[in-house]
PDB file of N, CA and C in Angstrom:
ATOM      1  N   MET A   1      78.311 -64.874-102.557  1.00  0.00           N
ATOM      2  CA  MET A   1      77.490 -63.802-103.072  1.00  0.00           C
ATOM      3  C   MET A   1      77.046 -64.138-104.490  1.00  0.00           C
ATOM      4  N   ASP A   2      75.794 -63.931-104.784  1.00  0.00           N
ATOM      5  CA  ASP A   2      75.267 -64.151-106.121  1.00  0.00           C
ATOM      6  C   ASP A   2      75.551 -62.931-106.996  1.00  0.00           C
ATOM      7  N   LYS A   3      75.835 -63.188-108.271  1.00  0.00           N
ATOM      8  CA  LYS A   3      76.020 -62.128-109.256  1.00  0.00           C
ATOM      9  C   LYS A   3      74.699 -62.007-110.009  1.00  0.00           C
ATOM     10  N   ILE A   4      74.117 -60.808-110.071  1.00  0.00           N
ATOM     11  CA  ILE A   4      72.796 -60.608-110.653  1.00  0.00           C
ATOM     12  C   ILE A   4      72.898 -59.704-111.873  1.00  0.00           C
ATOM     13  N   PHE A   5      72.271 -60.143-112.973  1.00  0.00           N
ATOM     14  CA  PHE A   5      72.192 -59.371-114.199  1.00  0.00           C
ATOM     15  C   PHE A   5      70.731 -58.993-114.422  1.00  0.00           C
ATOM     16  N   VAL A   6      70.441 -57.703-114.577  1.00  0.00           N
ATOM     17  CA  VAL A   6      69.095 -57.227-114.861  1.00  0.00           C
ATOM     18  C   VAL A   6      69.143 -56.603-116.251  1.00  0.00           C
ATOM     19  N   GLU A   7      68.310 -57.122-117.182  1.00  0.00           N
ATOM     20  CA  GLU A   7      68.318 -56.653-118.573  1.00  0.00           C
ATOM     21  C   GLU A   7      66.915 -56.264-119.017  1.00  0.00           C
ATOM     22  N   ILE A   8      66.871 -55.270-119.905  1.00  0.00           N
ATOM     23  CA  ILE A   8      65.611 -54.880-120.534  1.00  0.00           C
ATOM     24  C   ILE A   8      65.909 -54.599-122.003  1.00  0.00           C
ATOM     25  N   GLY A   9      64.997 -55.023-122.872  1.00  0.00           N
ATOM     26  CA  GLY A   9      65.211 -54.778-124.283  1.00  0.00           C
ATOM     27  C   GLY A   9      64.525 -55.809-125.157  1.00  0.00           C
ATOM     28  N   LEU A  10      65.011 -55.926-126.374  1.00  0.00           N
ATOM     29  CA  LEU A  10      64.474 -56.841-127.376  1.00  0.00           C
ATOM     30  C   LEU A  10      65.210 -58.168-127.249  1.00  0.00           C
ATOM     31  N   ASP A  11      64.500 -59.173-126.760  1.00  0.00           N
ATOM     32  CA  ASP A  11      65.120 -60.469-126.468  1.00  0.00           C
ATOM     33  C   ASP A  11      64.074 -61.561-126.664  1.00  0.00           C
ATOM     34  N   PHE A  12      64.108 -62.254-127.803  1.00  0.00           N
ATOM     35  CA  PHE A  12      63.108 -63.278-128.087  1.00  0.00           C
ATOM     36  C   PHE A  12      63.405 -64.595-127.383  1.00  0.00           C
ATOM     37  N   ASP A  13      64.611 -64.747-126.844  1.00  0.00           N
ATOM     38  CA  ASP A  13      64.936 -65.964-126.091  1.00  0.00           C
ATOM     39  C   ASP A  13      64.162 -66.040-124.782  1.00  0.00           C
ATOM     40  N   HIS A  14      64.076 -64.929-124.072  1.00  0.00           N
ATOM     41  CA  HIS A  14      63.548 -64.956-122.715  1.00  0.00           C
ATOM     42  C   HIS A  14      62.294 -64.121-122.511  1.00  0.00           C
ATOM     43  N   ASN A  15      61.750 -63.521-123.584  1.00  0.00           N
ATOM     44  CA  ASN A  15      60.519 -62.744-123.493  1.00  0.00           C
ATOM     45  C   ASN A  15      59.577 -63.182-124.601  1.00  0.00           C
ATOM     46  N   ARG A  16      58.401 -63.570-124.214  1.00  0.00           N
ATOM     47  CA  ARG A  16      57.445 -64.148-125.155  1.00  0.00           C
ATOM     48  C   ARG A  16      57.143 -63.231-126.330  1.00  0.00           C
ATOM     49  N   TYR A  17      57.001 -61.933-126.082  1.00  0.00           N
ATOM     50  CA  TYR A  17      56.642 -60.993-127.141  1.00  0.00           C
ATOM     51  C   TYR A  17      57.832 -60.157-127.609  1.00  0.00           C
ATOM     52  N   GLY A  18      59.022 -60.522-127.193  1.00  0.00           N
ATOM     53  CA  GLY A  18      60.220 -59.827-127.654  1.00  0.00           C
ATOM     54  C   GLY A  18      60.715 -58.768-126.688  1.00  0.00           C
ATOM     55  N   LEU A  19      59.866 -57.805-126.350  1.00  0.00           N
ATOM     56  CA  LEU A  19      60.267 -56.747-125.428  1.00  0.00           C
ATOM     57  C   LEU A  19      59.986 -57.175-124.000  1.00  0.00           C
ATOM     58  N   GLY A  20      60.916 -56.873-123.147  1.00  0.00           N
ATOM     59  CA  GLY A  20      60.672 -57.227-121.762  1.00  0.00           C
ATOM     60  C   GLY A  20      61.899 -57.070-120.894  1.00  0.00           C
ATOM     61  N   ARG A  21      61.744 -57.560-119.687  1.00  0.00           N
ATOM     62  CA  ARG A  21      62.780 -57.453-118.663  1.00  0.00           C
ATOM     63  C   ARG A  21      63.058 -58.842-118.116  1.00  0.00           C
ATOM     64  N   SER A  22      64.310 -59.131-117.846  1.00  0.00           N
ATOM     65  CA  SER A  22      64.643 -60.418-117.247  1.00  0.00           C
ATOM     66  C   SER A  22      65.763 -60.243-116.233  1.00  0.00           C
ATOM     67  N   VAL A  23      65.819 -61.188-115.320  1.00  0.00           N
ATOM     68  CA  VAL A  23      66.829 -61.185-114.266  1.00  0.00           C
ATOM     69  C   VAL A  23      67.524 -62.545-114.292  1.00  0.00           C
ATOM     70  N   GLU A  24      68.851 -62.530-114.409  1.00  0.00           N
ATOM     71  CA  GLU A  24      69.627 -63.762-114.376  1.00  0.00           C
ATOM     72  C   GLU A  24      70.518 -63.739-113.136  1.00  0.00           C
ATOM     73  N   ILE A  25      70.537 -64.839-112.429  1.00  0.00           N
ATOM     74  CA  ILE A  25      71.323 -64.941-111.207  1.00  0.00           C
ATOM     75  C   ILE A  25      72.384 -66.021-111.399  1.00  0.00           C
ATOM     76  N   GLU A  26      73.648 -65.646-111.225  1.00  0.00           N
ATOM     77  CA  GLU A  26      74.755 -66.602-111.254  1.00  0.00           C
ATOM     78  C   GLU A  26      75.136 -66.908-109.815  1.00  0.00           C
ATOM     79  N   HIS A  27      75.068 -68.167-109.457  1.00  0.00           N
ATOM     80  CA  HIS A  27      75.371 -68.601-108.105  1.00  0.00           C
ATOM     81  C   HIS A  27      76.866 -68.911-107.975  1.00  0.00           C
ATOM     82  N   PRO A  28      77.414 -68.861-106.771  1.00  0.00           N
ATOM     83  CA  PRO A  28      78.845 -69.123-106.576  1.00  0.00           C
ATOM     84  C   PRO A  28      79.309 -70.494-107.082  1.00  0.00           C
ATOM     85  N   ASP A  29      78.404 -71.474-107.127  1.00  0.00           N
ATOM     86  CA  ASP A  29      78.783 -72.807-107.607  1.00  0.00           C
ATOM     87  C   ASP A  29      78.817 -72.911-109.130  1.00  0.00           C
ATOM     88  N   GLY A  30      78.494 -71.812-109.841  1.00  0.00           N
ATOM     89  CA  GLY A  30      78.524 -71.796-111.299  1.00  0.00           C
ATOM     90  C   GLY A  30      77.181 -72.012-111.951  1.00  0.00           C
ATOM     91  N   SER A  31      76.174 -72.392-111.201  1.00  0.00           N
ATOM     92  CA  SER A  31      74.844 -72.586-111.771  1.00  0.00           C
ATOM     93  C   SER A  31      74.181 -71.226-112.001  1.00  0.00           C
ATOM     94  N   GLU A  32      73.183 -71.218-112.892  1.00  0.00           N
ATOM     95  CA  GLU A  32      72.464 -69.993-113.235  1.00  0.00           C
ATOM     96  C   GLU A  32      70.971 -70.240-113.157  1.00  0.00           C
ATOM     97  N   SER A  33      70.238 -69.181-112.866  1.00  0.00           N
ATOM     98  CA  SER A  33      68.777 -69.229-112.926  1.00  0.00           C
ATOM     99  C   SER A  33      68.292 -67.914-113.515  1.00  0.00           C
ATOM    100  N   ARG A  34      67.161 -67.947-114.189  1.00  0.00           N
ATOM    101  CA  ARG A  34      66.608 -66.761-114.844  1.00  0.00           C
ATOM    102  C   ARG A  34      65.145 -66.645-114.441  1.00  0.00           C
ATOM    103  N   ASN A  35      64.726 -65.417-114.156  1.00  0.00           N
ATOM    104  CA  ASN A  35      63.325 -65.193-113.811  1.00  0.00           C
ATOM    105  C   ASN A  35      62.904 -63.796-114.220  1.00  0.00           C
ATOM    106  N   LYS A  36      61.650 -63.481-114.034  1.00  0.00           N
ATOM    107  CA  LYS A  36      61.089 -62.183-114.406  1.00  0.00           C
ATOM    108  C   LYS A  36      60.939 -61.267-113.195  1.00  0.00           C
ATOM    109  N   ARG A  37      61.247 -61.789-112.014  1.00  0.00           N
ATOM    110  CA  ARG A  37      61.071 -60.993-110.798  1.00  0.00           C
ATOM    111  C   ARG A  37      62.154 -59.933-110.663  1.00  0.00           C
ATOM    112  N   LYS A  38      61.956 -59.047-109.737  1.00  0.00           N
ATOM    113  CA  LYS A  38      62.924 -58.003-109.465  1.00  0.00           C
ATOM    114  C   LYS A  38      64.154 -58.605-108.795  1.00  0.00           C
ATOM    115  N   GLY A  39      65.315 -58.257-109.283  1.00  0.00           N
ATOM    116  CA  GLY A  39      66.554 -58.724-108.671  1.00  0.00           C
ATOM    117  C   GLY A  39      67.030 -57.738-107.627  1.00  0.00           C
ATOM    118  N   GLU A  40      67.458 -58.229-106.515  1.00  0.00           N
ATOM    119  CA  GLU A  40      67.958 -57.378-105.441  1.00  0.00           C
ATOM    120  C   GLU A  40      69.436 -57.096-105.683  1.00  0.00           C
ATOM    121  N   ILE A  41      69.749 -55.934-106.240  1.00  0.00           N
ATOM    122  CA  ILE A  41      71.135 -55.549-106.449  1.00  0.00           C
ATOM    123  C   ILE A  41      71.486 -54.505-105.400  1.00  0.00           C
ATOM    124  N   PHE A  42      72.457 -54.808-104.578  1.00  0.00           N
ATOM    125  CA  PHE A  42      72.870 -53.866-103.551  1.00  0.00           C
ATOM    126  C   PHE A  42      74.071 -53.050-104.006  1.00  0.00           C
ATOM    127  N   ILE A  43      74.954 -53.649-104.778  1.00  0.00           N
ATOM    128  CA  ILE A  43      76.145 -52.959-105.275  1.00  0.00           C
ATOM    129  C   ILE A  43      76.182 -53.132-106.792  1.00  0.00           C
ATOM    130  N   VAL A  44      75.906 -52.062-107.551  1.00  0.00           N
ATOM    131  CA  VAL A  44      75.950 -52.128-109.012  1.00  0.00           C
ATOM    132  C   VAL A  44      77.398 -51.961-109.449  1.00  0.00           C
ATOM    133  N   GLU A  45      77.912 -52.953-110.154  1.00  0.00           N
ATOM    134  CA  GLU A  45      79.298 -52.938-110.613  1.00  0.00           C
ATOM    135  C   GLU A  45      79.444 -52.295-111.991  1.00  0.00           C
ATOM    136  N   SER A  46      78.445 -52.507-112.870  1.00  0.00           N
ATOM    137  CA  SER A  46      78.602 -52.055-114.245  1.00  0.00           C
ATOM    138  C   SER A  46      77.247 -51.950-114.938  1.00  0.00           C
ATOM    139  N   ARG A  47      77.214 -51.120-115.971  1.00  0.00           N
ATOM    140  CA  ARG A  47      76.063 -51.018-116.865  1.00  0.00           C
ATOM    141  C   ARG A  47      76.567 -51.341-118.270  1.00  0.00           C
ATOM    142  N   TYR A  48      75.692 -51.938-119.101  1.00  0.00           N
ATOM    143  CA  TYR A  48      76.175 -52.381-120.407  1.00  0.00           C
ATOM    144  C   TYR A  48      75.068 -52.357-121.452  1.00  0.00           C
ATOM    145  N   LEU A  49      75.489 -52.394-122.710  1.00  0.00           N
ATOM    146  CA  LEU A  49      74.622 -52.558-123.869  1.00  0.00           C
ATOM    147  C   LEU A  49      75.144 -53.780-124.602  1.00  0.00           C
ATOM    148  N   ARG A  50      74.257 -54.733-124.870  1.00  0.00           N
ATOM    149  CA  ARG A  50      74.653 -55.954-125.569  1.00  0.00           C
ATOM    150  C   ARG A  50      73.861 -56.054-126.862  1.00  0.00           C
ATOM    151  N   LEU A  51      74.566 -56.207-127.970  1.00  0.00           N
ATOM    152  CA  LEU A  51      73.970 -56.351-129.291  1.00  0.00           C
ATOM    153  C   LEU A  51      74.409 -57.699-129.852  1.00  0.00           C
ATOM    154  N   TRP A  52      73.460 -58.600-130.053  1.00  0.00           N
ATOM    155  CA  TRP A  52      73.735 -59.943-130.547  1.00  0.00           C
ATOM    156  C   TRP A  52      73.212 -60.031-131.973  1.00  0.00           C
ATOM    157  N   LEU A  53      74.134 -60.152-132.942  1.00  0.00           N
ATOM    158  CA  LEU A  53      73.794 -60.273-134.362  1.00  0.00           C
ATOM    159  C   LEU A  53      74.325 -61.591-134.888  1.00  0.00           C
ATOM    160  N   MET A  54      73.423 -62.477-135.267  1.00  0.00           N
ATOM    161  CA  MET A  54      73.774 -63.810-135.749  1.00  0.00           C
ATOM    162  C   MET A  54      74.579 -64.549-134.673  1.00  0.00           C
ATOM    163  N   LYS A  55      75.854 -64.843-134.919  1.00  0.00           N
ATOM    164  CA  LYS A  55      76.685 -65.538-133.927  1.00  0.00           C
ATOM    165  C   LYS A  55      77.655 -64.610-133.210  1.00  0.00           C
ATOM    166  N   TRP A  56      77.532 -63.314-133.437  1.00  0.00           N
ATOM    167  CA  TRP A  56      78.456 -62.345-132.847  1.00  0.00           C
ATOM    168  C   TRP A  56      77.743 -61.504-131.794  1.00  0.00           C
ATOM    169  N   VAL A  57      78.399 -61.298-130.663  1.00  0.00           N
ATOM    170  CA  VAL A  57      77.860 -60.468-129.585  1.00  0.00           C
ATOM    171  C   VAL A  57      78.820 -59.308-129.360  1.00  0.00           C
ATOM    172  N   PHE A  58      78.301 -58.087-129.494  1.00  0.00           N
ATOM    173  CA  PHE A  58      79.070 -56.869-129.273  1.00  0.00           C
ATOM    174  C   PHE A  58      78.638 -56.299-127.925  1.00  0.00           C
ATOM    175  N   ILE A  59      79.589 -56.074-127.038  1.00  0.00           N
ATOM    176  CA  ILE A  59      79.279 -55.621-125.687  1.00  0.00           C
ATOM    177  C   ILE A  59      79.989 -54.296-125.415  1.00  0.00           C
ATOM    178  N   PHE A  60      79.188 -53.278-125.086  1.00  0.00           N
ATOM    179  CA  PHE A  60      79.694 -51.970-124.674  1.00  0.00           C
ATOM    180  C   PHE A  60      79.439 -51.879-123.179  1.00  0.00           C
ATOM    181  N   ASP A  61      80.504 -51.715-122.399  1.00  0.00           N
ATOM    182  CA  ASP A  61      80.397 -51.812-120.951  1.00  0.00           C
ATOM    183  C   ASP A  61      80.969 -50.562-120.288  1.00  0.00           C
ATOM    184  N   SER A  62      80.445 -50.214-119.113  1.00  0.00           N
ATOM    185  CA  SER A  62      80.974 -49.067-118.376  1.00  0.00           C
ATOM    186  C   SER A  62      82.211 -49.437-117.569  1.00  0.00           C
ATOM    187  N   GLN A  63      82.585 -50.701-117.581  1.00  0.00           N
ATOM    188  CA  GLN A  63      83.747 -51.191-116.852  1.00  0.00           C
ATOM    189  C   GLN A  63      84.706 -51.838-117.854  1.00  0.00           C
ATOM    190  N   LYS A  64      85.988 -51.841-117.560  1.00  0.00           N
ATOM    191  CA  LYS A  64      86.965 -52.435-118.481  1.00  0.00           C
ATOM    192  C   LYS A  64      86.725 -53.918-118.646  1.00  0.00           C
ATOM    193  N   PRO A  65      86.854 -54.500-119.832  1.00  0.00           N
ATOM    194  CA  PRO A  65      87.082 -53.803-121.086  1.00  0.00           C
ATOM    195  C   PRO A  65      85.810 -53.093-121.531  1.00  0.00           C
ATOM    196  N   TYR A  66      85.950 -51.880-122.012  1.00  0.00           N
ATOM    197  CA  TYR A  66      84.793 -51.067-122.370  1.00  0.00           C
ATOM    198  C   TYR A  66      84.062 -51.593-123.600  1.00  0.00           C
ATOM    199  N   PHE A  67      84.769 -52.326-124.438  1.00  0.00           N
ATOM    200  CA  PHE A  67      84.159 -52.911-125.637  1.00  0.00           C
ATOM    201  C   PHE A  67      84.745 -54.299-125.833  1.00  0.00           C
ATOM    202  N   SER A  68      83.893 -55.269-126.126  1.00  0.00           N
ATOM    203  CA  SER A  68      84.374 -56.616-126.429  1.00  0.00           C
ATOM    204  C   SER A  68      83.455 -57.276-127.446  1.00  0.00           C
ATOM    205  N   ILE A  69      84.003 -58.246-128.140  1.00  0.00           N
ATOM    206  CA  ILE A  69      83.257 -59.023-129.139  1.00  0.00           C
ATOM    207  C   ILE A  69      83.422 -60.490-128.768  1.00  0.00           C
ATOM    208  N   LYS A  70      82.297 -61.204-128.754  1.00  0.00           N
ATOM    209  CA  LYS A  70      82.334 -62.639-128.463  1.00  0.00           C
ATOM    210  C   LYS A  70      81.606 -63.381-129.559  1.00  0.00           C
ATOM    211  N   ARG A  71      82.032 -64.597-129.804  1.00  0.00           N
ATOM    212  CA  ARG A  71      81.378 -65.463-130.795  1.00  0.00           C
ATOM    213  C   ARG A  71      80.624 -66.558-130.050  1.00  0.00           C
ATOM    214  N   LYS A  72      79.360 -66.752-130.440  1.00  0.00           N
ATOM    215  CA  LYS A  72      78.519 -67.768-129.817  1.00  0.00           C
ATOM    216  C   LYS A  72      78.284 -68.903-130.802  1.00  0.00           C
ATOM    217  N   GLY A  73      77.773 -70.008-130.319  1.00  0.00           N
ATOM    218  CA  GLY A  73      77.556 -71.179-131.152  1.00  0.00           C
ATOM    219  C   GLY A  73      76.197 -71.253-131.823  1.00  0.00           C
ATOM    220  N   ARG A  74      75.328 -70.314-131.521  1.00  0.00           N
ATOM    221  CA  ARG A  74      73.984 -70.364-132.124  1.00  0.00           C
ATOM    222  C   ARG A  74      73.593 -69.001-132.670  1.00  0.00           C
ATOM    223  N   LEU A  75      72.626 -68.989-133.559  1.00  0.00           N
ATOM    224  CA  LEU A  75      72.153 -67.754-134.176  1.00  0.00           C
ATOM    225  C   LEU A  75      71.118 -67.089-133.279  1.00  0.00           C
ATOM    226  N   ASN A  76      71.182 -65.766-133.200  1.00  0.00           N
ATOM    227  CA  ASN A  76      70.220 -65.026-132.392  1.00  0.00           C
ATOM    228  C   ASN A  76      70.266 -63.561-132.784  1.00  0.00           C
ATOM    229  N   PHE A  77      69.218 -62.822-132.407  1.00  0.00           N
ATOM    230  CA  PHE A  77      69.195 -61.372-132.532  1.00  0.00           C
ATOM    231  C   PHE A  77      68.659 -60.833-131.221  1.00  0.00           C
ATOM    232  N   LYS A  78      69.431 -59.930-130.606  1.00  0.00           N
ATOM    233  CA  LYS A  78      69.054 -59.418-129.293  1.00  0.00           C
ATOM    234  C   LYS A  78      69.691 -58.044-129.102  1.00  0.00           C
ATOM    235  N   ILE A  79      68.923 -57.102-128.556  1.00  0.00           N
ATOM    236  CA  ILE A  79      69.443 -55.803-128.152  1.00  0.00           C
ATOM    237  C   ILE A  79      68.941 -55.556-126.740  1.00  0.00           C
ATOM    238  N   VAL A  80      69.848 -55.498-125.781  1.00  0.00           N
ATOM    239  CA  VAL A  80      69.444 -55.288-124.385  1.00  0.00           C
ATOM    240  C   VAL A  80      70.393 -54.306-123.718  1.00  0.00           C
ATOM    241  N   VAL A  81      69.846 -53.544-122.787  1.00  0.00           N
ATOM    242  CA  VAL A  81      70.654 -52.749-121.879  1.00  0.00           C
ATOM    243  C   VAL A  81      70.499 -53.375-120.499  1.00  0.00           C
ATOM    244  N   GLY A  82      71.535 -53.314-119.718  1.00  0.00           N
ATOM    245  CA  GLY A  82      71.456 -53.960-118.433  1.00  0.00           C
ATOM    246  C   GLY A  82      72.457 -53.441-117.440  1.00  0.00           C
ATOM    247  N   LYS A  83      72.362 -53.998-116.263  1.00  0.00           N
ATOM    248  CA  LYS A  83      73.321 -53.707-115.201  1.00  0.00           C
ATOM    249  C   LYS A  83      73.570 -55.004-114.448  1.00  0.00           C
ATOM    250  N   TRP A  84      74.737 -55.091-113.837  1.00  0.00           N
ATOM    251  CA  TRP A  84      75.024 -56.266-113.027  1.00  0.00           C
ATOM    252  C   TRP A  84      75.686 -55.831-111.736  1.00  0.00           C
ATOM    253  N   GLY A  85      75.489 -56.652-110.749  1.00  0.00           N
ATOM    254  CA  GLY A  85      76.050 -56.371-109.447  1.00  0.00           C
ATOM    255  C   GLY A  85      75.938 -57.580-108.553  1.00  0.00           C
ATOM    256  N   TYR A  86      76.137 -57.364-107.273  1.00  0.00           N
ATOM    257  CA  TYR A  86      76.146 -58.466-106.301  1.00  0.00           C
ATOM    258  C   TYR A  86      75.045 -58.302-105.264  1.00  0.00           C
ATOM    259  N   SER A  87      74.521 -59.419-104.815  1.00  0.00           N
ATOM    260  CA  SER A  87      73.577 -59.411-103.703  1.00  0.00           C
ATOM    261  C   SER A  87      74.296 -59.920-102.460  1.00  0.00           C
ATOM    262  N   GLN A  88      73.642 -59.817-101.351  1.00  0.00           N
ATOM    263  CA  GLN A  88      74.247 -60.310-100.124  1.00  0.00           C
ATOM    264  C   GLN A  88      73.771 -61.706 -99.811  1.00  0.00           C
TER     265      GLN A  88
END
């Protein structure tokens, strides 16, 4: 089963003009793909807000852990809301 992330918000990495929507698909083999098309989510597992400031990512999630902080290796600024789930 593929894990699908659907995000909308301010994201200069994956949206030419900053605001937009993107779909990321994680495949069972560990590979990932990203596109602008609609993702088929049949079972929504969680909804989240991700705030990326410099090298720090703050994640507020509807599933445990409800709040987490991660450190990344590159600088970025991003504010997105999203949901993730599984396809068949």
